[in-house]
Amino acid sequence: MCDAHASPAAEERPSRLRDGLVTLRRAAGYLGVSDKTVRRLVSARKLPSIRVGRVLRFQPADLFRFVEAWKE
C-alpha cells in the first residue's frame, strides 16, 4: 500500500526508524558514529533528543533531518 502523502525521502528511510522512538545505540548505528558521539551531539544541542528518565531516545524524523542537514 502506498501513502499518497508520503514524501519520496520517507520511502528511503529504514523501516525500523519510522516507528516509535529509537534507542541511543540504534541512533548511533543509523548515523554511523559511536554512542559517545551521539551524546556529544545531544549535549551540543545539534541533535534533538527525548530524555526518558536517565535514558535518551530519538525521534526517527529528527535523525533523518540531521543526516539531510549534513549532506554536502
N, C-alpha and C. Protein backbone atom coordinates (compact mmCIF):
# COMPACT_ATOMS: atom_id res chain seq x y z
N MET A 1 0.83 -1.16 0.00
CA MET A 1 0.00 0.00 0.00
C MET A 1 0.89 1.24 0.00
N CYS A 2 0.57 2.20 -0.80
CA CYS A 2 1.37 3.41 -0.94
C CYS A 2 0.63 4.58 -0.33
N ASP A 3 1.28 5.36 0.47
CA ASP A 3 0.69 6.54 1.08
C ASP A 3 0.87 7.71 0.13
N ALA A 4 -0.24 8.29 -0.31
CA ALA A 4 -0.19 9.37 -1.28
C ALA A 4 0.48 10.61 -0.71
N HIS A 5 0.51 10.73 0.62
CA HIS A 5 1.08 11.91 1.25
C HIS A 5 2.54 11.72 1.66
N ALA A 6 3.07 10.55 1.51
CA ALA A 6 4.46 10.28 1.91
C ALA A 6 5.40 10.93 0.92
N SER A 7 6.43 11.55 1.43
CA SER A 7 7.43 12.16 0.55
C SER A 7 8.34 11.07 0.00
N PRO A 8 8.97 11.32 -1.13
CA PRO A 8 9.91 10.31 -1.66
C PRO A 8 11.01 9.99 -0.68
N ALA A 9 11.45 10.98 0.09
CA ALA A 9 12.52 10.76 1.06
C ALA A 9 12.07 9.80 2.16
N ALA A 10 10.78 9.82 2.50
CA ALA A 10 10.28 8.93 3.55
C ALA A 10 10.42 7.47 3.15
N GLU A 11 10.33 7.20 1.86
CA GLU A 11 10.47 5.82 1.39
C GLU A 11 11.89 5.31 1.53
N GLU A 12 12.87 6.22 1.60
CA GLU A 12 14.27 5.83 1.69
C GLU A 12 14.67 5.49 3.12
N ARG A 13 13.90 5.91 4.10
CA ARG A 13 14.25 5.66 5.49
C ARG A 13 14.10 4.18 5.82
N PRO A 14 15.02 3.65 6.62
CA PRO A 14 14.85 2.27 7.08
C PRO A 14 13.55 2.12 7.84
N SER A 15 12.83 1.02 7.63
CA SER A 15 11.51 0.85 8.23
C SER A 15 11.54 0.91 9.75
N ARG A 16 12.57 0.38 10.39
CA ARG A 16 12.59 0.39 11.85
C ARG A 16 12.75 1.80 12.41
N LEU A 17 13.19 2.74 11.58
CA LEU A 17 13.34 4.11 12.05
C LEU A 17 12.06 4.92 11.86
N ARG A 18 11.05 4.35 11.23
CA ARG A 18 9.80 5.07 11.04
C ARG A 18 8.85 4.90 12.21
N ASP A 19 9.05 3.89 13.01
CA ASP A 19 8.09 3.55 14.06
C ASP A 19 8.65 3.81 15.44
N GLY A 20 7.96 4.63 16.24
CA GLY A 20 8.32 4.83 17.63
C GLY A 20 9.64 5.55 17.84
N LEU A 21 10.08 5.53 19.08
CA LEU A 21 11.35 6.17 19.44
C LEU A 21 12.50 5.20 19.25
N VAL A 22 13.66 5.76 18.98
CA VAL A 22 14.86 4.97 18.68
C VAL A 22 15.83 5.08 19.86
N THR A 23 16.47 3.98 20.19
CA THR A 23 17.46 3.96 21.27
C THR A 23 18.74 4.68 20.86
N LEU A 24 19.54 5.00 21.85
CA LEU A 24 20.83 5.64 21.60
C LEU A 24 21.69 4.77 20.67
N ARG A 25 21.74 3.49 20.94
CA ARG A 25 22.57 2.59 20.15
C ARG A 25 22.11 2.53 18.69
N ARG A 26 20.79 2.45 18.48
CA ARG A 26 20.27 2.42 17.11
C ARG A 26 20.50 3.75 16.40
N ALA A 27 20.36 4.84 17.14
CA ALA A 27 20.61 6.16 16.55
C ALA A 27 22.08 6.25 16.11
N ALA A 28 22.98 5.79 16.96
CA ALA A 28 24.40 5.81 16.62
C ALA A 28 24.67 4.94 15.40
N GLY A 29 24.05 3.78 15.34
CA GLY A 29 24.23 2.90 14.19
C GLY A 29 23.71 3.53 12.92
N TYR A 30 22.54 4.17 13.00
CA TYR A 30 21.96 4.82 11.83
C TYR A 30 22.86 5.95 11.33
N LEU A 31 23.44 6.70 12.28
CA LEU A 31 24.31 7.82 11.92
C LEU A 31 25.72 7.37 11.56
N GLY A 32 26.08 6.15 11.93
CA GLY A 32 27.42 5.64 11.64
C GLY A 32 28.48 6.21 12.56
N VAL A 33 28.08 6.51 13.80
CA VAL A 33 29.02 7.06 14.77
C VAL A 33 28.90 6.28 16.07
N SER A 34 29.75 6.60 17.04
CA SER A 34 29.70 5.91 18.34
C SER A 34 28.59 6.48 19.23
N ASP A 35 28.25 5.73 20.26
CA ASP A 35 27.28 6.22 21.26
C ASP A 35 27.78 7.53 21.87
N LYS A 36 29.07 7.59 22.14
CA LYS A 36 29.67 8.78 22.75
C LYS A 36 29.50 10.01 21.85
N THR A 37 29.66 9.82 20.55
CA THR A 37 29.49 10.93 19.61
C THR A 37 28.04 11.42 19.62
N VAL A 38 27.10 10.50 19.68
CA VAL A 38 25.69 10.90 19.74
C VAL A 38 25.44 11.71 21.00
N ARG A 39 25.99 11.26 22.12
CA ARG A 39 25.82 12.02 23.37
C ARG A 39 26.42 13.42 23.26
N ARG A 40 27.55 13.54 22.60
CA ARG A 40 28.17 14.86 22.39
C ARG A 40 27.29 15.75 21.53
N LEU A 41 26.71 15.17 20.48
CA LEU A 41 25.82 15.94 19.61
C LEU A 41 24.59 16.43 20.38
N VAL A 42 24.07 15.60 21.25
CA VAL A 42 22.93 15.98 22.09
C VAL A 42 23.34 17.09 23.05
N SER A 43 24.49 16.94 23.69
CA SER A 43 24.97 17.96 24.64
C SER A 43 25.20 19.30 23.97
N ALA A 44 25.66 19.25 22.72
CA ALA A 44 25.91 20.48 21.96
C ALA A 44 24.63 21.03 21.33
N ARG A 45 23.52 20.35 21.58
CA ARG A 45 22.20 20.74 21.04
C ARG A 45 22.17 20.73 19.52
N LYS A 46 22.96 19.86 18.93
CA LYS A 46 22.96 19.71 17.47
C LYS A 46 22.00 18.60 17.03
N LEU A 47 21.67 17.71 17.96
CA LEU A 47 20.78 16.60 17.67
C LEU A 47 19.67 16.56 18.72
N PRO A 48 18.43 16.77 18.30
CA PRO A 48 17.31 16.73 19.26
C PRO A 48 17.15 15.34 19.85
N SER A 49 16.76 15.30 21.12
CA SER A 49 16.53 14.02 21.78
C SER A 49 15.40 14.17 22.78
N ILE A 50 14.96 13.03 23.27
CA ILE A 50 13.94 12.98 24.31
C ILE A 50 14.56 12.19 25.46
N ARG A 51 14.51 12.76 26.63
CA ARG A 51 15.05 12.07 27.80
C ARG A 51 13.90 11.41 28.53
N VAL A 52 13.99 10.10 28.68
CA VAL A 52 13.00 9.32 29.42
C VAL A 52 13.73 8.84 30.67
N GLY A 53 13.53 9.55 31.77
CA GLY A 53 14.32 9.27 32.96
C GLY A 53 15.76 9.62 32.68
N ARG A 54 16.65 8.63 32.79
CA ARG A 54 18.07 8.85 32.50
C ARG A 54 18.46 8.37 31.11
N VAL A 55 17.48 7.92 30.35
CA VAL A 55 17.74 7.30 29.05
C VAL A 55 17.39 8.26 27.91
N LEU A 56 18.25 8.31 26.90
CA LEU A 56 17.99 9.13 25.73
C LEU A 56 17.25 8.32 24.68
N ARG A 57 16.28 8.95 24.04
CA ARG A 57 15.57 8.36 22.91
C ARG A 57 15.49 9.43 21.82
N PHE A 58 15.30 8.96 20.60
CA PHE A 58 15.31 9.86 19.45
C PHE A 58 14.11 9.59 18.55
N GLN A 59 13.57 10.67 17.99
CA GLN A 59 12.51 10.52 17.02
C GLN A 59 13.17 10.26 15.67
N PRO A 60 12.67 9.27 14.95
CA PRO A 60 13.25 8.94 13.64
C PRO A 60 13.34 10.14 12.70
N ALA A 61 12.33 10.98 12.70
CA ALA A 61 12.33 12.14 11.81
C ALA A 61 13.48 13.09 12.14
N ASP A 62 13.82 13.22 13.43
CA ASP A 62 14.94 14.08 13.83
C ASP A 62 16.27 13.53 13.32
N LEU A 63 16.43 12.21 13.37
CA LEU A 63 17.66 11.60 12.85
C LEU A 63 17.77 11.82 11.35
N PHE A 64 16.66 11.63 10.67
CA PHE A 64 16.67 11.80 9.21
C PHE A 64 16.99 13.25 8.84
N ARG A 65 16.38 14.21 9.55
CA ARG A 65 16.65 15.63 9.28
C ARG A 65 18.12 15.97 9.57
N PHE A 66 18.67 15.39 10.62
CA PHE A 66 20.07 15.63 10.97
C PHE A 66 20.98 15.19 9.82
N VAL A 67 20.73 14.00 9.31
CA VAL A 67 21.53 13.49 8.19
C VAL A 67 21.37 14.38 6.96
N GLU A 68 20.15 14.74 6.65
CA GLU A 68 19.89 15.58 5.48
C GLU A 68 20.59 16.94 5.60
N ALA A 69 20.62 17.49 6.80
CA ALA A 69 21.25 18.80 7.01
C ALA A 69 22.76 18.75 6.82
N TRP A 70 23.37 17.59 7.06
CA TRP A 70 24.82 17.46 6.95
C TRP A 70 25.29 16.97 5.60
N LYS A 71 24.35 16.64 4.71
CA LYS A 71 24.75 16.21 3.37
C LYS A 71 25.36 17.39 2.63
N GLU A 72 26.36 17.11 1.84
CA GLU A 72 27.00 18.18 1.07
C GLU A 72 26.50 18.17 -0.34
